[in-house]
């Protein structure tokens, strides 16, 4: 049986981006460009999956993110 989920709403996508922003902030990491990918939100092509754009970051932020992920993987 195939699992048919309804496409994410703008609220779902925004909430997801905010949850990720908050989780990263808890580790001292800020991705200034993190946002809902608006073209994906406007898409009518099914299935609309919804994307969160992580955007660009500087080397220090990328290294901090990598360090947090490595530490979490070691748990």
PDB file of N, CA and C in Angstrom:
ATOM      1  N   UNK A   1       0.842  -1.175   0.000  1.00  0.00           N
ATOM      2  CA  UNK A   1       0.000   0.000   0.000  1.00  0.00           C
ATOM      3  C   UNK A   1       0.889   1.241   0.000  1.00  0.00           C
ATOM      4  N   UNK A   2       0.540   2.216  -0.776  1.00  0.00           N
ATOM      5  CA  UNK A   2       1.305   3.458  -0.896  1.00  0.00           C
ATOM      6  C   UNK A   2       0.804   4.470   0.117  1.00  0.00           C
ATOM      7  N   UNK A   3       1.732   5.131   0.781  1.00  0.00           N
ATOM      8  CA  UNK A   3       1.390   6.163   1.754  1.00  0.00           C
ATOM      9  C   UNK A   3       1.202   7.482   1.019  1.00  0.00           C
ATOM     10  N   UNK A   4      -0.020   7.996   0.992  1.00  0.00           N
ATOM     11  CA  UNK A   4      -0.304   9.262   0.324  1.00  0.00           C
ATOM     12  C   UNK A   4      -0.425  10.356   1.370  1.00  0.00           C
ATOM     13  N   UNK A   5       0.545  11.222   1.411  1.00  0.00           N
ATOM     14  CA  UNK A   5       0.498  12.357   2.318  1.00  0.00           C
ATOM     15  C   UNK A   5       0.126  13.591   1.525  1.00  0.00           C
ATOM     16  N   UNK A   6      -0.625  14.474   2.168  1.00  0.00           N
ATOM     17  CA  UNK A   6      -0.950  15.723   1.496  1.00  0.00           C
ATOM     18  C   UNK A   6       0.304  16.587   1.446  1.00  0.00           C
ATOM     19  N   UNK A   7       0.418  17.435   0.434  1.00  0.00           N
ATOM     20  CA  UNK A   7       1.606  18.287   0.328  1.00  0.00           C
ATOM     21  C   UNK A   7       1.698  19.220   1.529  1.00  0.00           C
ATOM     22  N   UNK A   8       2.910  19.589   1.901  1.00  0.00           N
ATOM     23  CA  UNK A   8       3.074  20.489   3.040  1.00  0.00           C
ATOM     24  C   UNK A   8       2.471  21.857   2.737  1.00  0.00           C
ATOM     25  N   UNK A   9       1.954  22.461   3.763  1.00  0.00           N
ATOM     26  CA  UNK A   9       1.407  23.813   3.626  1.00  0.00           C
ATOM     27  C   UNK A   9       2.518  24.829   3.865  1.00  0.00           C
ATOM     28  N   UNK A  10       2.220  26.075   3.578  1.00  0.00           N
ATOM     29  CA  UNK A  10       3.184  27.145   3.852  1.00  0.00           C
ATOM     30  C   UNK A  10       3.503  27.170   5.341  1.00  0.00           C
ATOM     31  N   UNK A  11       2.495  26.926   6.170  1.00  0.00           N
ATOM     32  CA  UNK A  11       2.704  26.897   7.623  1.00  0.00           C
ATOM     33  C   UNK A  11       3.656  25.770   7.999  1.00  0.00           C
ATOM     34  N   UNK A  12       3.449  24.563   7.440  1.00  0.00           N
ATOM     35  CA  UNK A  12       4.329  23.423   7.728  1.00  0.00           C
ATOM     36  C   UNK A  12       5.782  23.753   7.375  1.00  0.00           C
ATOM     37  N   UNK A  13       5.957  24.332   6.205  1.00  0.00           N
ATOM     38  CA  UNK A  13       7.302  24.626   5.733  1.00  0.00           C
ATOM     39  C   UNK A  13       7.959  25.706   6.583  1.00  0.00           C
ATOM     40  N   UNK A  14       7.204  26.729   6.953  1.00  0.00           N
ATOM     41  CA  UNK A  14       7.739  27.798   7.794  1.00  0.00           C
ATOM     42  C   UNK A  14       8.087  27.272   9.177  1.00  0.00           C
ATOM     43  N   UNK A  15       7.220  26.457   9.740  1.00  0.00           N
ATOM     44  CA  UNK A  15       7.474  25.869  11.051  1.00  0.00           C
ATOM     45  C   UNK A  15       8.736  25.011  11.029  1.00  0.00           C
ATOM     46  N   UNK A  16       8.914  24.242   9.979  1.00  0.00           N
ATOM     47  CA  UNK A  16      10.110  23.408   9.853  1.00  0.00           C
ATOM     48  C   UNK A  16      11.374  24.263   9.808  1.00  0.00           C
ATOM     49  N   UNK A  17      11.348  25.325   9.017  1.00  0.00           N
ATOM     50  CA  UNK A  17      12.511  26.218   8.933  1.00  0.00           C
ATOM     51  C   UNK A  17      12.805  26.855  10.286  1.00  0.00           C
ATOM     52  N   UNK A  18      11.752  27.261  11.003  1.00  0.00           N
ATOM     53  CA  UNK A  18      11.945  27.872  12.321  1.00  0.00           C
ATOM     54  C   UNK A  18      12.479  26.864  13.339  1.00  0.00           C
ATOM     55  N   UNK A  19      11.994  25.626  13.272  1.00  0.00           N
ATOM     56  CA  UNK A  19      12.501  24.587  14.178  1.00  0.00           C
ATOM     57  C   UNK A  19      13.982  24.325  13.930  1.00  0.00           C
ATOM     58  N   UNK A  20      14.373  24.276  12.657  1.00  0.00           N
ATOM     59  CA  UNK A  20      15.782  24.068  12.326  1.00  0.00           C
ATOM     60  C   UNK A  20      16.616  25.259  12.785  1.00  0.00           C
ATOM     61  N   UNK A  21      16.125  26.466  12.563  1.00  0.00           N
ATOM     62  CA  UNK A  21      16.839  27.680  12.999  1.00  0.00           C
ATOM     63  C   UNK A  21      17.055  27.653  14.513  1.00  0.00           C
ATOM     64  N   UNK A  22      16.004  27.289  15.266  1.00  0.00           N
ATOM     65  CA  UNK A  22      16.107  27.221  16.725  1.00  0.00           C
ATOM     66  C   UNK A  22      17.085  26.140  17.170  1.00  0.00           C
ATOM     67  N   UNK A  23      17.039  24.977  16.531  1.00  0.00           N
ATOM     68  CA  UNK A  23      17.941  23.886  16.889  1.00  0.00           C
ATOM     69  C   UNK A  23      19.394  24.270  16.624  1.00  0.00           C
ATOM     70  N   UNK A  24      19.651  24.908  15.511  1.00  0.00           N
ATOM     71  CA  UNK A  24      21.013  25.354  15.206  1.00  0.00           C
ATOM     72  C   UNK A  24      21.463  26.425  16.196  1.00  0.00           C
ATOM     73  N   UNK A  25      20.554  27.330  16.541  1.00  0.00           N
ATOM     74  CA  UNK A  25      20.893  28.402  17.493  1.00  0.00           C
ATOM     75  C   UNK A  25      21.272  27.820  18.843  1.00  0.00           C
ATOM     76  N   UNK A  26      20.673  26.701  19.211  1.00  0.00           N
ATOM     77  CA  UNK A  26      21.022  26.034  20.466  1.00  0.00           C
ATOM     78  C   UNK A  26      22.463  25.566  20.499  1.00  0.00           C
ATOM     79  N   UNK A  27      23.096  25.511  19.345  1.00  0.00           N
ATOM     80  CA  UNK A  27      24.508  25.130  19.246  1.00  0.00           C
ATOM     81  C   UNK A  27      25.368  26.314  18.814  1.00  0.00           C
ATOM     82  N   UNK A  28      24.776  27.495  18.858  1.00  0.00           N
ATOM     83  CA  UNK A  28      25.526  28.698  18.493  1.00  0.00           C
ATOM     84  C   UNK A  28      25.742  28.861  17.002  1.00  0.00           C
ATOM     85  N   UNK A  29      24.905  28.229  16.192  1.00  0.00           N
ATOM     86  CA  UNK A  29      25.068  28.284  14.738  1.00  0.00           C
ATOM     87  C   UNK A  29      23.903  29.059  14.128  1.00  0.00           C
ATOM     88  N   UNK A  30      24.241  30.009  13.251  1.00  0.00           N
ATOM     89  CA  UNK A  30      23.232  30.782  12.535  1.00  0.00           C
ATOM     90  C   UNK A  30      23.483  30.650  11.046  1.00  0.00           C
ATOM     91  N   UNK A  31      22.454  30.235  10.328  1.00  0.00           N
ATOM     92  CA  UNK A  31      22.504  30.232   8.864  1.00  0.00           C
ATOM     93  C   UNK A  31      21.606  31.383   8.409  1.00  0.00           C
ATOM     94  N   UNK A  32      22.205  32.534   8.083  1.00  0.00           N
ATOM     95  CA  UNK A  32      21.410  33.724   7.786  1.00  0.00           C
ATOM     96  C   UNK A  32      20.444  33.550   6.617  1.00  0.00           C
ATOM     97  N   UNK A  33      20.764  32.671   5.686  1.00  0.00           N
ATOM     98  CA  UNK A  33      19.922  32.504   4.498  1.00  0.00           C
ATOM     99  C   UNK A  33      18.890  31.394   4.655  1.00  0.00           C
ATOM    100  N   UNK A  34      18.801  30.754   5.814  1.00  0.00           N
ATOM    101  CA  UNK A  34      17.858  29.667   6.015  1.00  0.00           C
ATOM    102  C   UNK A  34      16.439  30.204   5.852  1.00  0.00           C
ATOM    103  N   UNK A  35      15.662  29.561   4.985  1.00  0.00           N
ATOM    104  CA  UNK A  35      14.314  30.050   4.694  1.00  0.00           C
ATOM    105  C   UNK A  35      13.528  28.978   3.951  1.00  0.00           C
ATOM    106  N   UNK A  36      12.243  29.221   3.815  1.00  0.00           N
ATOM    107  CA  UNK A  36      11.398  28.380   2.972  1.00  0.00           C
ATOM    108  C   UNK A  36      11.757  28.690   1.526  1.00  0.00           C
ATOM    109  N   UNK A  37      11.877  27.646   0.707  1.00  0.00           N
ATOM    110  CA  UNK A  37      12.162  27.838  -0.712  1.00  0.00           C
ATOM    111  C   UNK A  37      10.855  28.228  -1.409  1.00  0.00           C
ATOM    112  N   UNK A  38      10.712  29.511  -1.707  1.00  0.00           N
ATOM    113  CA  UNK A  38       9.455  30.030  -2.233  1.00  0.00           C
ATOM    114  C   UNK A  38       9.026  29.416  -3.567  1.00  0.00           C
ATOM    115  N   UNK A  39       9.934  29.193  -4.524  1.00  0.00           N
ATOM    116  CA  UNK A  39       9.482  28.554  -5.767  1.00  0.00           C
ATOM    117  C   UNK A  39       8.856  27.173  -5.519  1.00  0.00           C
ATOM    118  N   UNK A  40       9.395  26.430  -4.571  1.00  0.00           N
ATOM    119  CA  UNK A  40       8.825  25.133  -4.249  1.00  0.00           C
ATOM    120  C   UNK A  40       7.432  25.293  -3.663  1.00  0.00           C
ATOM    121  N   UNK A  41       7.262  26.283  -2.819  1.00  0.00           N
ATOM    122  CA  UNK A  41       5.961  26.547  -2.201  1.00  0.00           C
ATOM    123  C   UNK A  41       4.917  26.886  -3.255  1.00  0.00           C
ATOM    124  N   UNK A  42       5.314  27.594  -4.289  1.00  0.00           N
ATOM    125  CA  UNK A  42       4.383  28.019  -5.336  1.00  0.00           C
ATOM    126  C   UNK A  42       4.135  26.934  -6.383  1.00  0.00           C
ATOM    127  N   UNK A  43       4.918  25.880  -6.349  1.00  0.00           N
ATOM    128  CA  UNK A  43       4.803  24.839  -7.364  1.00  0.00           C
ATOM    129  C   UNK A  43       3.442  24.164  -7.337  1.00  0.00           C
ATOM    130  N   UNK A  44       2.934  23.869  -8.510  1.00  0.00           N
ATOM    131  CA  UNK A  44       1.692  23.106  -8.617  1.00  0.00           C
ATOM    132  C   UNK A  44       1.958  21.708  -9.140  1.00  0.00           C
ATOM    133  N   UNK A  45       3.220  21.427  -9.449  1.00  0.00           N
ATOM    134  CA  UNK A  45       3.573  20.111  -9.975  1.00  0.00           C
ATOM    135  C   UNK A  45       3.550  19.088  -8.842  1.00  0.00           C
ATOM    136  N   UNK A  46       2.700  18.079  -8.930  1.00  0.00           N
ATOM    137  CA  UNK A  46       2.641  17.093  -7.837  1.00  0.00           C
ATOM    138  C   UNK A  46       3.780  16.097  -7.942  1.00  0.00           C
ATOM    139  N   UNK A  47       4.268  15.519  -6.899  1.00  0.00           N
ATOM    140  CA  UNK A  47       3.939  15.896  -5.538  1.00  0.00           C
ATOM    141  C   UNK A  47       4.814  17.054  -5.084  1.00  0.00           C
ATOM    142  N   UNK A  48       4.217  18.055  -4.532  1.00  0.00           N
ATOM    143  CA  UNK A  48       4.968  19.202  -4.015  1.00  0.00           C
ATOM    144  C   UNK A  48       5.543  18.796  -2.666  1.00  0.00           C
ATOM    145  N   UNK A  49       6.840  18.627  -2.608  1.00  0.00           N
ATOM    146  CA  UNK A  49       7.479  18.133  -1.390  1.00  0.00           C
ATOM    147  C   UNK A  49       7.770  19.243  -0.397  1.00  0.00           C
ATOM    148  N   UNK A  50       8.022  20.426  -0.875  1.00  0.00           N
ATOM    149  CA  UNK A  50       8.402  21.519   0.009  1.00  0.00           C
ATOM    150  C   UNK A  50       9.871  21.424   0.378  1.00  0.00           C
ATOM    151  N   UNK A  51      10.576  22.507   0.199  1.00  0.00           N
ATOM    152  CA  UNK A  51      11.998  22.545   0.506  1.00  0.00           C
ATOM    153  C   UNK A  51      12.308  23.681   1.461  1.00  0.00           C
ATOM    154  N   UNK A  52      13.281  23.440   2.314  1.00  0.00           N
ATOM    155  CA  UNK A  52      13.844  24.478   3.163  1.00  0.00           C
ATOM    156  C   UNK A  52      15.226  24.776   2.594  1.00  0.00           C
ATOM    157  N   UNK A  53      15.446  26.013   2.203  1.00  0.00           N
ATOM    158  CA  UNK A  53      16.735  26.416   1.643  1.00  0.00           C
ATOM    159  C   UNK A  53      17.675  26.759   2.799  1.00  0.00           C
ATOM    160  N   UNK A  54      18.802  26.063   2.860  1.00  0.00           N
ATOM    161  CA  UNK A  54      19.766  26.323   3.919  1.00  0.00           C
ATOM    162  C   UNK A  54      20.626  27.530   3.597  1.00  0.00           C
ATOM    163  N   UNK A  55      20.797  27.826   2.331  1.00  0.00           N
ATOM    164  CA  UNK A  55      21.526  29.015   1.929  1.00  0.00           C
ATOM    165  C   UNK A  55      23.027  28.867   2.080  1.00  0.00           C
ATOM    166  N   UNK A  56      23.692  29.975   2.044  1.00  0.00           N
ATOM    167  CA  UNK A  56      25.147  30.024   2.126  1.00  0.00           C
ATOM    168  C   UNK A  56      25.588  30.342   3.548  1.00  0.00           C
ATOM    169  N   UNK A  57      26.816  29.935   3.855  1.00  0.00           N
ATOM    170  CA  UNK A  57      27.402  30.307   5.140  1.00  0.00           C
ATOM    171  C   UNK A  57      28.911  30.426   4.961  1.00  0.00           C
ATOM    172  N   UNK A  58      29.541  31.100   5.906  1.00  0.00           N
ATOM    173  CA  UNK A  58      30.993  31.266   5.822  1.00  0.00           C
ATOM    174  C   UNK A  58      31.698  30.004   6.334  1.00  0.00           C
ATOM    175  N   UNK A  59      33.002  29.968   6.178  1.00  0.00           N
ATOM    176  CA  UNK A  59      33.766  28.779   6.570  1.00  0.00           C
ATOM    177  C   UNK A  59      33.661  28.479   8.055  1.00  0.00           C
ATOM    178  N   UNK A  60      33.673  29.503   8.882  1.00  0.00           N
ATOM    179  CA  UNK A  60      33.588  29.285  10.328  1.00  0.00           C
ATOM    180  C   UNK A  60      32.258  28.613  10.695  1.00  0.00           C
ATOM    181  N   UNK A  61      31.171  29.052  10.068  1.00  0.00           N
ATOM    182  CA  UNK A  61      29.870  28.455  10.344  1.00  0.00           C
ATOM    183  C   UNK A  61      29.816  27.031   9.829  1.00  0.00           C
ATOM    184  N   UNK A  62      30.349  26.784   8.650  1.00  0.00           N
ATOM    185  CA  UNK A  62      30.367  25.431   8.096  1.00  0.00           C
ATOM    186  C   UNK A  62      31.170  24.489   8.989  1.00  0.00           C
ATOM    187  N   UNK A  63      32.291  24.964   9.500  1.00  0.00           N
ATOM    188  CA  UNK A  63      33.107  24.134  10.396  1.00  0.00           C
ATOM    189  C   UNK A  63      32.390  23.870  11.715  1.00  0.00           C
ATOM    190  N   UNK A  64      31.705  24.883  12.245  1.00  0.00           N
ATOM    191  CA  UNK A  64      30.953  24.703  13.488  1.00  0.00           C
ATOM    192  C   UNK A  64      29.828  23.696  13.289  1.00  0.00           C
ATOM    193  N   UNK A  65      29.137  23.771  12.184  1.00  0.00           N
ATOM    194  CA  UNK A  65      28.066  22.833  11.883  1.00  0.00           C
ATOM    195  C   UNK A  65      28.615  21.416  11.743  1.00  0.00           C
ATOM    196  N   UNK A  66      29.719  21.266  11.055  1.00  0.00           N
ATOM    197  CA  UNK A  66      30.348  19.955  10.911  1.00  0.00           C
ATOM    198  C   UNK A  66      30.761  19.390  12.268  1.00  0.00           C
ATOM    199  N   UNK A  67      31.294  20.228  13.141  1.00  0.00           N
ATOM    200  CA  UNK A  67      31.725  19.775  14.461  1.00  0.00           C
ATOM    201  C   UNK A  67      30.527  19.298  15.294  1.00  0.00           C
ATOM    202  N   UNK A  68      29.415  20.035  15.239  1.00  0.00           N
ATOM    203  CA  UNK A  68      28.218  19.642  15.979  1.00  0.00           C
ATOM    204  C   UNK A  68      27.689  18.310  15.446  1.00  0.00           C
ATOM    205  N   UNK A  69      27.670  18.148  14.142  1.00  0.00           N
ATOM    206  CA  UNK A  69      27.189  16.897  13.552  1.00  0.00           C
ATOM    207  C   UNK A  69      28.085  15.718  13.899  1.00  0.00           C
ATOM    208  N   UNK A  70      29.401  15.932  13.884  1.00  0.00           N
ATOM    209  CA  UNK A  70      30.325  14.879  14.264  1.00  0.00           C
ATOM    210  C   UNK A  70      30.117  14.470  15.724  1.00  0.00           C
ATOM    211  N   UNK A  71      29.975  15.460  16.604  1.00  0.00           N
ATOM    212  CA  UNK A  71      29.761  15.199  18.019  1.00  0.00           C
ATOM    213  C   UNK A  71      28.468  14.417  18.241  1.00  0.00           C
ATOM    214  N   UNK A  72      27.399  14.797  17.530  1.00  0.00           N
ATOM    215  CA  UNK A  72      26.119  14.101  17.654  1.00  0.00           C
ATOM    216  C   UNK A  72      26.230  12.672  17.143  1.00  0.00           C
ATOM    217  N   UNK A  73      27.012  12.441  16.110  1.00  0.00           N
ATOM    218  CA  UNK A  73      27.182  11.100  15.557  1.00  0.00           C
ATOM    219  C   UNK A  73      27.931  10.185  16.504  1.00  0.00           C
ATOM    220  N   UNK A  74      28.768  10.755  17.360  1.00  0.00           N
ATOM    221  CA  UNK A  74      29.545   9.970  18.304  1.00  0.00           C
ATOM    222  C   UNK A  74      28.735   9.528  19.525  1.00  0.00           C
ATOM    223  N   UNK A  75      27.553  10.064  19.699  1.00  0.00           N
ATOM    224  CA  UNK A  75      26.723   9.712  20.874  1.00  0.00           C
ATOM    225  C   UNK A  75      26.132   8.338  20.743  1.00  0.00           C
TER     226      UNK A  75
END
